[in-house]
PDB file of N, CA and C in Angstrom:
ATOM      1  N   UNK A   1      24.071 -92.552  99.441  1.00  0.00           N
ATOM      2  CA  UNK A   1      24.222 -92.575 100.857  1.00  0.00           C
ATOM      3  C   UNK A   1      22.862 -92.791 101.500  1.00  0.00           C
ATOM      4  N   UNK A   2      22.872 -93.627 102.529  1.00  0.00           N
ATOM      5  CA  UNK A   2      21.652 -93.885 103.281  1.00  0.00           C
ATOM      6  C   UNK A   2      21.686 -93.117 104.590  1.00  0.00           C
ATOM      7  N   UNK A   3      20.519 -92.686 105.003  1.00  0.00           N
ATOM      8  CA  UNK A   3      20.374 -92.087 106.321  1.00  0.00           C
ATOM      9  C   UNK A   3      19.032 -92.543 106.862  1.00  0.00           C
ATOM     10  N   UNK A   4      19.050 -93.148 108.045  1.00  0.00           N
ATOM     11  CA  UNK A   4      17.838 -93.741 108.622  1.00  0.00           C
ATOM     12  C   UNK A   4      17.235 -94.757 107.657  1.00  0.00           C
ATOM     13  N   UNK A   5      18.101 -95.515 106.980  1.00  0.00           N
ATOM     14  CA  UNK A   5      17.723 -96.539 106.001  1.00  0.00           C
ATOM     15  C   UNK A   5      16.979 -95.979 104.790  1.00  0.00           C
ATOM     16  N   UNK A   6      17.143 -94.701 104.535  1.00  0.00           N
ATOM     17  CA  UNK A   6      16.504 -94.045 103.396  1.00  0.00           C
ATOM     18  C   UNK A   6      17.594 -93.562 102.453  1.00  0.00           C
ATOM     19  N   UNK A   7      17.455 -93.838 101.137  1.00  0.00           N
ATOM     20  CA  UNK A   7      18.421 -93.268 100.198  1.00  0.00           C
ATOM     21  C   UNK A   7      18.280 -91.751 100.216  1.00  0.00           C
ATOM     22  N   UNK A   8      19.243 -91.076 100.811  1.00  0.00           N
ATOM     23  CA  UNK A   8      19.110 -89.645 101.063  1.00  0.00           C
ATOM     24  C   UNK A   8      20.018 -88.775 100.212  1.00  0.00           C
ATOM     25  N   UNK A   9      21.111 -89.321  99.698  1.00  0.00           N
ATOM     26  CA  UNK A   9      22.032 -88.487  98.945  1.00  0.00           C
ATOM     27  C   UNK A   9      22.920 -89.276  98.021  1.00  0.00           C
ATOM     28  N   UNK A  10      23.554 -88.538  97.118  1.00  0.00           N
ATOM     29  CA  UNK A  10      24.452 -89.143  96.136  1.00  0.00           C
ATOM     30  C   UNK A  10      25.616 -88.195  95.889  1.00  0.00           C
ATOM     31  N   UNK A  11      26.837 -88.722  95.987  1.00  0.00           N
ATOM     32  CA  UNK A  11      28.040 -87.961  95.652  1.00  0.00           C
ATOM     33  C   UNK A  11      28.814 -88.780  94.629  1.00  0.00           C
ATOM     34  N   UNK A  12      29.123 -88.157  93.505  1.00  0.00           N
ATOM     35  CA  UNK A  12      29.922 -88.800  92.468  1.00  0.00           C
ATOM     36  C   UNK A  12      31.214 -87.992  92.322  1.00  0.00           C
ATOM     37  N   UNK A  13      32.346 -88.666  92.455  1.00  0.00           N
ATOM     38  CA  UNK A  13      33.639 -87.999  92.387  1.00  0.00           C
ATOM     39  C   UNK A  13      34.598 -88.811  91.530  1.00  0.00           C
ATOM     40  N   UNK A  14      35.533 -88.111  90.923  1.00  0.00           N
ATOM     41  CA  UNK A  14      36.540 -88.736  90.065  1.00  0.00           C
ATOM     42  C   UNK A  14      37.918 -88.432  90.633  1.00  0.00           C
ATOM     43  N   UNK A  15      38.755 -89.437  90.744  1.00  0.00           N
ATOM     44  CA  UNK A  15      40.126 -89.231  91.213  1.00  0.00           C
ATOM     45  C   UNK A  15      40.917 -88.450  90.176  1.00  0.00           C
ATOM     46  N   UNK A  16      41.615 -87.429  90.644  1.00  0.00           N
ATOM     47  CA  UNK A  16      42.538 -86.678  89.798  1.00  0.00           C
ATOM     48  C   UNK A  16      43.940 -87.239  89.998  1.00  0.00           C
ATOM     49  N   UNK A  17      44.291 -87.480  91.249  1.00  0.00           N
ATOM     50  CA  UNK A  17      45.526 -88.180  91.598  1.00  0.00           C
ATOM     51  C   UNK A  17      45.275 -88.892  92.917  1.00  0.00           C
ATOM     52  N   UNK A  18      46.312 -89.394  93.555  1.00  0.00           N
ATOM     53  CA  UNK A  18      46.138 -90.233  94.740  1.00  0.00           C
ATOM     54  C   UNK A  18      45.513 -89.507  95.930  1.00  0.00           C
ATOM     55  N   UNK A  19      45.601 -88.177  95.970  1.00  0.00           N
ATOM     56  CA  UNK A  19      45.015 -87.470  97.113  1.00  0.00           C
ATOM     57  C   UNK A  19      44.108 -86.313  96.714  1.00  0.00           C
ATOM     58  N   UNK A  20      43.644 -86.303  95.463  1.00  0.00           N
ATOM     59  CA  UNK A  20      42.787 -85.230  94.958  1.00  0.00           C
ATOM     60  C   UNK A  20      41.624 -85.826  94.176  1.00  0.00           C
ATOM     61  N   UNK A  21      40.418 -85.284  94.427  1.00  0.00           N
ATOM     62  CA  UNK A  21      39.236 -85.707  93.678  1.00  0.00           C
ATOM     63  C   UNK A  21      38.509 -84.492  93.136  1.00  0.00           C
ATOM     64  N   UNK A  22      37.699 -84.739  92.115  1.00  0.00           N
ATOM     65  CA  UNK A  22      36.799 -83.730  91.578  1.00  0.00           C
ATOM     66  C   UNK A  22      35.387 -84.248  91.754  1.00  0.00           C
ATOM     67  N   UNK A  23      34.553 -83.501  92.470  1.00  0.00           N
ATOM     68  CA  UNK A  23      33.164 -83.904  92.709  1.00  0.00           C
ATOM     69  C   UNK A  23      32.309 -83.383  91.559  1.00  0.00           C
ATOM     70  N   UNK A  24      31.703 -84.324  90.828  1.00  0.00           N
ATOM     71  CA  UNK A  24      30.823 -83.985  89.712  1.00  0.00           C
ATOM     72  C   UNK A  24      29.384 -83.778  90.160  1.00  0.00           C
ATOM     73  N   UNK A  25      28.995 -84.468  91.227  1.00  0.00           N
ATOM     74  CA  UNK A  25      27.617 -84.410  91.700  1.00  0.00           C
ATOM     75  C   UNK A  25      27.593 -84.549  93.216  1.00  0.00           C
ATOM     76  N   UNK A  26      26.856 -83.682  93.862  1.00  0.00           N
ATOM     77  CA  UNK A  26      26.632 -83.732  95.311  1.00  0.00           C
ATOM     78  C   UNK A  26      25.176 -83.347  95.514  1.00  0.00           C
ATOM     79  N   UNK A  27      24.331 -84.342  95.759  1.00  0.00           N
ATOM     80  CA  UNK A  27      22.898 -84.086  95.869  1.00  0.00           C
ATOM     81  C   UNK A  27      22.326 -84.805  97.081  1.00  0.00           C
ATOM     82  N   UNK A  28      21.511 -84.095  97.837  1.00  0.00           N
ATOM     83  CA  UNK A  28      20.808 -84.665  98.983  1.00  0.00           C
ATOM     84  C   UNK A  28      19.345 -84.269  98.851  1.00  0.00           C
ATOM     85  N   UNK A  29      18.437 -85.228  99.110  1.00  0.00           N
ATOM     86  CA  UNK A  29      17.015 -84.915  98.998  1.00  0.00           C
ATOM     87  C   UNK A  29      16.620 -83.891 100.059  1.00  0.00           C
ATOM     88  N   UNK A  30      15.618 -83.067  99.769  1.00  0.00           N
ATOM     89  CA  UNK A  30      15.283 -81.945 100.651  1.00  0.00           C
ATOM     90  C   UNK A  30      15.109 -82.287 102.134  1.00  0.00           C
ATOM     91  N   UNK A  31      14.504 -83.386 102.484  1.00  0.00           N
ATOM     92  CA  UNK A  31      14.272 -83.715 103.884  1.00  0.00           C
ATOM     93  C   UNK A  31      15.527 -83.991 104.694  1.00  0.00           C
ATOM     94  N   UNK A  32      16.673 -84.131 104.024  1.00  0.00           N
ATOM     95  CA  UNK A  32      17.930 -84.456 104.709  1.00  0.00           C
ATOM     96  C   UNK A  32      19.005 -83.395 104.511  1.00  0.00           C
ATOM     97  N   UNK A  33      18.627 -82.212 104.142  1.00  0.00           N
ATOM     98  CA  UNK A  33      19.592 -81.124 103.883  1.00  0.00           C
ATOM     99  C   UNK A  33      19.937 -80.360 105.159  1.00  0.00           C
ATOM    100  N   UNK A  34      20.394 -81.092 106.158  1.00  0.00           N
ATOM    101  CA  UNK A  34      20.780 -80.468 107.422  1.00  0.00           C
ATOM    102  C   UNK A  34      22.300 -80.470 107.602  1.00  0.00           C
ATOM    103  N   UNK A  35      23.026 -80.730 106.526  1.00  0.00           N
ATOM    104  CA  UNK A  35      24.493 -80.698 106.467  1.00  0.00           C
ATOM    105  C   UNK A  35      25.154 -81.940 107.078  1.00  0.00           C
ATOM    106  N   UNK A  36      24.417 -82.863 107.685  1.00  0.00           N
ATOM    107  CA  UNK A  36      25.033 -84.047 108.290  1.00  0.00           C
ATOM    108  C   UNK A  36      25.685 -84.939 107.246  1.00  0.00           C
ATOM    109  N   UNK A  37      25.037 -85.136 106.106  1.00  0.00           N
ATOM    110  CA  UNK A  37      25.620 -85.975 105.056  1.00  0.00           C
ATOM    111  C   UNK A  37      26.861 -85.291 104.487  1.00  0.00           C
ATOM    112  N   UNK A  38      26.786 -83.997 104.216  1.00  0.00           N
ATOM    113  CA  UNK A  38      27.943 -83.264 103.700  1.00  0.00           C
ATOM    114  C   UNK A  38      29.115 -83.316 104.649  1.00  0.00           C
ATOM    115  N   UNK A  39      28.852 -83.141 105.931  1.00  0.00           N
ATOM    116  CA  UNK A  39      29.932 -83.205 106.920  1.00  0.00           C
ATOM    117  C   UNK A  39      30.557 -84.592 106.941  1.00  0.00           C
ATOM    118  N   UNK A  40      29.733 -85.634 106.833  1.00  0.00           N
ATOM    119  CA  UNK A  40      30.278 -86.992 106.813  1.00  0.00           C
ATOM    120  C   UNK A  40      31.163 -87.194 105.582  1.00  0.00           C
ATOM    121  N   UNK A  41      30.659 -86.837 104.422  1.00  0.00           N
ATOM    122  CA  UNK A  41      31.407 -87.061 103.177  1.00  0.00           C
ATOM    123  C   UNK A  41      32.694 -86.248 103.157  1.00  0.00           C
ATOM    124  N   UNK A  42      32.598 -84.949 103.427  1.00  0.00           N
ATOM    125  CA  UNK A  42      33.753 -84.068 103.271  1.00  0.00           C
ATOM    126  C   UNK A  42      34.702 -84.076 104.447  1.00  0.00           C
ATOM    127  N   UNK A  43      34.236 -84.376 105.633  1.00  0.00           N
ATOM    128  CA  UNK A  43      35.107 -84.344 106.819  1.00  0.00           C
ATOM    129  C   UNK A  43      35.585 -85.717 107.264  1.00  0.00           C
ATOM    130  N   UNK A  44      34.836 -86.749 106.958  1.00  0.00           N
ATOM    131  CA  UNK A  44      35.208 -88.082 107.439  1.00  0.00           C
ATOM    132  C   UNK A  44      35.581 -89.023 106.295  1.00  0.00           C
ATOM    133  N   UNK A  45      34.663 -89.278 105.368  1.00  0.00           N
ATOM    134  CA  UNK A  45      34.889 -90.269 104.317  1.00  0.00           C
ATOM    135  C   UNK A  45      36.125 -89.952 103.478  1.00  0.00           C
ATOM    136  N   UNK A  46      36.182 -88.753 102.904  1.00  0.00           N
ATOM    137  CA  UNK A  46      37.325 -88.413 102.059  1.00  0.00           C
ATOM    138  C   UNK A  46      38.625 -88.401 102.858  1.00  0.00           C
ATOM    139  N   UNK A  47      38.597 -87.866 104.064  1.00  0.00           N
ATOM    140  CA  UNK A  47      39.805 -87.812 104.891  1.00  0.00           C
ATOM    141  C   UNK A  47      40.300 -89.229 105.192  1.00  0.00           C
ATOM    142  N   UNK A  48      39.388 -90.142 105.537  1.00  0.00           N
ATOM    143  CA  UNK A  48      39.778 -91.527 105.830  1.00  0.00           C
ATOM    144  C   UNK A  48      40.346 -92.229 104.612  1.00  0.00           C
ATOM    145  N   UNK A  49      40.003 -91.743 103.414  1.00  0.00           N
ATOM    146  CA  UNK A  49      40.517 -92.325 102.182  1.00  0.00           C
ATOM    147  C   UNK A  49      41.684 -91.524 101.612  1.00  0.00           C
ATOM    148  N   UNK A  50      42.362 -90.781 102.480  1.00  0.00           N
ATOM    149  CA  UNK A  50      43.601 -90.061 102.188  1.00  0.00           C
ATOM    150  C   UNK A  50      43.419 -88.990 101.106  1.00  0.00           C
ATOM    151  N   UNK A  51      42.219 -88.465 100.978  1.00  0.00           N
ATOM    152  CA  UNK A  51      41.977 -87.366 100.056  1.00  0.00           C
ATOM    153  C   UNK A  51      42.281 -86.072 100.796  1.00  0.00           C
ATOM    154  N   UNK A  52      43.062 -85.206 100.176  1.00  0.00           N
ATOM    155  CA  UNK A  52      43.438 -83.948 100.810  1.00  0.00           C
ATOM    156  C   UNK A  52      42.928 -82.722 100.059  1.00  0.00           C
ATOM    157  N   UNK A  53      42.581 -82.879  98.777  1.00  0.00           N
ATOM    158  CA  UNK A  53      42.032 -81.771  97.992  1.00  0.00           C
ATOM    159  C   UNK A  53      40.788 -82.237  97.261  1.00  0.00           C
ATOM    160  N   UNK A  54      39.725 -81.426  97.381  1.00  0.00           N
ATOM    161  CA  UNK A  54      38.459 -81.737  96.714  1.00  0.00           C
ATOM    162  C   UNK A  54      38.066 -80.516  95.892  1.00  0.00           C
ATOM    163  N   UNK A  55      37.947 -80.700  94.593  1.00  0.00           N
ATOM    164  CA  UNK A  55      37.517 -79.639  93.687  1.00  0.00           C
ATOM    165  C   UNK A  55      36.090 -79.904  93.238  1.00  0.00           C
ATOM    166  N   UNK A  56      35.372 -78.843  92.935  1.00  0.00           N
ATOM    167  CA  UNK A  56      34.060 -78.949  92.306  1.00  0.00           C
ATOM    168  C   UNK A  56      33.759 -77.629  91.613  1.00  0.00           C
ATOM    169  N   UNK A  57      32.865 -77.670  90.640  1.00  0.00           N
ATOM    170  CA  UNK A  57      32.449 -76.436  89.978  1.00  0.00           C
ATOM    171  C   UNK A  57      31.286 -75.825  90.736  1.00  0.00           C
ATOM    172  N   UNK A  58      31.119 -74.511  90.637  1.00  0.00           N
ATOM    173  CA  UNK A  58      30.001 -73.863  91.321  1.00  0.00           C
ATOM    174  C   UNK A  58      28.670 -74.298  90.724  1.00  0.00           C
ATOM    175  N   UNK A  59      27.643 -74.106  91.510  1.00  0.00           N
ATOM    176  CA  UNK A  59      26.288 -74.399  91.059  1.00  0.00           C
ATOM    177  C   UNK A  59      25.445 -73.145  91.184  1.00  0.00           C
ATOM    178  N   UNK A  60      24.220 -73.331  91.647  1.00  0.00           N
ATOM    179  CA  UNK A  60      23.364 -72.159  91.852  1.00  0.00           C
ATOM    180  C   UNK A  60      23.726 -71.479  93.174  1.00  0.00           C
ATOM    181  N   UNK A  61      23.072 -70.387  93.470  1.00  0.00           N
ATOM    182  CA  UNK A  61      23.381 -69.585  94.652  1.00  0.00           C
ATOM    183  C   UNK A  61      23.282 -70.415  95.939  1.00  0.00           C
ATOM    184  N   UNK A  62      22.253 -71.237  96.055  1.00  0.00           N
ATOM    185  CA  UNK A  62      22.055 -72.063  97.250  1.00  0.00           C
ATOM    186  C   UNK A  62      23.159 -73.098  97.391  1.00  0.00           C
ATOM    187  N   UNK A  63      23.536 -73.732  96.282  1.00  0.00           N
ATOM    188  CA  UNK A  63      24.591 -74.748  96.340  1.00  0.00           C
ATOM    189  C   UNK A  63      25.939 -74.111  96.690  1.00  0.00           C
ATOM    190  N   UNK A  64      26.216 -72.955  96.138  1.00  0.00           N
ATOM    191  CA  UNK A  64      27.475 -72.271  96.455  1.00  0.00           C
ATOM    192  C   UNK A  64      27.548 -71.892  97.938  1.00  0.00           C
ATOM    193  N   UNK A  65      26.418 -71.493  98.498  1.00  0.00           N
ATOM    194  CA  UNK A  65      26.365 -71.192  99.934  1.00  0.00           C
ATOM    195  C   UNK A  65      26.670 -72.449 100.746  1.00  0.00           C
ATOM    196  N   UNK A  66      26.110 -73.578 100.323  1.00  0.00           N
ATOM    197  CA  UNK A  66      26.384 -74.866 100.970  1.00  0.00           C
ATOM    198  C   UNK A  66      27.878 -75.191 100.897  1.00  0.00           C
ATOM    199  N   UNK A  67      28.476 -75.024  99.721  1.00  0.00           N
ATOM    200  CA  UNK A  67      29.904 -75.314  99.564  1.00  0.00           C
ATOM    201  C   UNK A  67      30.743 -74.461 100.505  1.00  0.00           C
ATOM    202  N   UNK A  68      30.428 -73.185 100.607  1.00  0.00           N
ATOM    203  CA  UNK A  68      31.168 -72.315 101.523  1.00  0.00           C
ATOM    204  C   UNK A  68      30.987 -72.767 102.971  1.00  0.00           C
ATOM    205  N   UNK A  69      29.781 -73.203 103.325  1.00  0.00           N
ATOM    206  CA  UNK A  69      29.543 -73.689 104.685  1.00  0.00           C
ATOM    207  C   UNK A  69      30.350 -74.969 104.960  1.00  0.00           C
ATOM    208  N   UNK A  70      30.577 -75.771 103.940  1.00  0.00           N
ATOM    209  CA  UNK A  70      31.384 -76.986 104.083  1.00  0.00           C
ATOM    210  C   UNK A  70      32.872 -76.669 104.132  1.00  0.00           C
ATOM    211  N   UNK A  71      33.250 -75.409 103.851  1.00  0.00           N
ATOM    212  CA  UNK A  71      34.652 -75.015 103.934  1.00  0.00           C
ATOM    213  C   UNK A  71      35.343 -74.804 102.602  1.00  0.00           C
ATOM    214  N   UNK A  72      34.627 -74.912 101.502  1.00  0.00           N
ATOM    215  CA  UNK A  72      35.209 -74.698 100.177  1.00  0.00           C
ATOM    216  C   UNK A  72      35.533 -73.227  99.977  1.00  0.00           C
ATOM    217  N   UNK A  73      36.600 -72.979  99.214  1.00  0.00           N
ATOM    218  CA  UNK A  73      37.032 -71.631  98.862  1.00  0.00           C
ATOM    219  C   UNK A  73      37.061 -71.513  97.340  1.00  0.00           C
ATOM    220  N   UNK A  74      36.761 -70.319  96.830  1.00  0.00           N
ATOM    221  CA  UNK A  74      36.811 -70.105  95.377  1.00  0.00           C
ATOM    222  C   UNK A  74      38.240 -70.242  94.876  1.00  0.00           C
ATOM    223  N   UNK A  75      38.365 -70.847  93.689  1.00  0.00           N
ATOM    224  CA  UNK A  75      39.658 -71.032  93.030  1.00  0.00           C
ATOM    225  C   UNK A  75      39.388 -71.234  91.548  1.00  0.00           C
ATOM    226  N   UNK A  76      40.360 -71.735  90.822  1.00  0.00           N
ATOM    227  CA  UNK A  76      40.149 -72.144  89.432  1.00  0.00           C
ATOM    228  C   UNK A  76      40.581 -73.585  89.273  1.00  0.00           C
ATOM    229  N   UNK A  77      39.970 -74.255  88.312  1.00  0.00           N
ATOM    230  CA  UNK A  77      40.307 -75.635  87.978  1.00  0.00           C
ATOM    231  C   UNK A  77      40.129 -75.773  86.476  1.00  0.00           C
ATOM    232  N   UNK A  78      41.180 -76.193  85.793  1.00  0.00           N
ATOM    233  CA  UNK A  78      41.156 -76.270  84.324  1.00  0.00           C
ATOM    234  C   UNK A  78      40.702 -74.945  83.707  1.00  0.00           C
ATOM    235  N   UNK A  79      41.231 -73.861  84.227  1.00  0.00           N
ATOM    236  CA  UNK A  79      40.959 -72.501  83.740  1.00  0.00           C
ATOM    237  C   UNK A  79      39.500 -72.075  83.896  1.00  0.00           C
ATOM    238  N   UNK A  80      38.752 -72.740  84.785  1.00  0.00           N
ATOM    239  CA  UNK A  80      37.365 -72.368  85.046  1.00  0.00           C
ATOM    240  C   UNK A  80      37.179 -72.058  86.520  1.00  0.00           C
ATOM    241  N   UNK A  81      36.201 -71.213  86.820  1.00  0.00           N
ATOM    242  CA  UNK A  81      35.872 -70.930  88.213  1.00  0.00           C
ATOM    243  C   UNK A  81      35.486 -72.238  88.894  1.00  0.00           C
ATOM    244  N   UNK A  82      35.989 -72.437  90.109  1.00  0.00           N
ATOM    245  CA  UNK A  82      35.729 -73.672  90.842  1.00  0.00           C
ATOM    246  C   UNK A  82      35.782 -73.379  92.336  1.00  0.00           C
ATOM    247  N   UNK A  83      35.526 -74.436  93.112  1.00  0.00           N
ATOM    248  CA  UNK A  83      35.675 -74.392  94.554  1.00  0.00           C
ATOM    249  C   UNK A  83      36.650 -75.476  94.963  1.00  0.00           C
ATOM    250  N   UNK A  84      37.408 -75.214  96.033  1.00  0.00           N
ATOM    251  CA  UNK A  84      38.400 -76.167  96.533  1.00  0.00           C
ATOM    252  C   UNK A  84      38.251 -76.296  98.050  1.00  0.00           C
ATOM    253  N   UNK A  85      38.250 -77.535  98.520  1.00  0.00           N
ATOM    254  CA  UNK A  85      38.299 -77.827  99.951  1.00  0.00           C
ATOM    255  C   UNK A  85      39.600 -78.561 100.199  1.00  0.00           C
ATOM    256  N   UNK A  86      40.445 -77.993 101.058  1.00  0.00           N
ATOM    257  CA  UNK A  86      41.703 -78.635 101.416  1.00  0.00           C
ATOM    258  C   UNK A  86      41.572 -79.231 102.805  1.00  0.00           C
ATOM    259  N   UNK A  87      41.832 -80.530 102.905  1.00  0.00           N
ATOM    260  CA  UNK A  87      41.748 -81.254 104.185  1.00  0.00           C
ATOM    261  C   UNK A  87      43.145 -81.466 104.721  1.00  0.00           C
ATOM    262  N   UNK A  88      43.282 -81.408 106.037  1.00  0.00           N
ATOM    263  CA  UNK A  88      44.603 -81.627 106.650  1.00  0.00           C
ATOM    264  C   UNK A  88      44.725 -83.056 107.126  1.00  0.00           C
TER     265      UNK A  88
END
């Protein structure tokens, strides 16, 4: 993802089914960690592409805090602790 013409972030996701994805990687460089890229990806991009459920595994304490701020809730996925964001 570009922001101000700068490569600022990368999100890699795999389709589970037609309206569910699993995010393997969500990374934004430090100078752009103001949640704008996350809000775009999770609130606009995925919703416009008819994604309604987004799963990901937890990371470190800071990343988990970010996930909760984006609206993710703790759950399980493939019998492992995970986070889930459900979009309407």
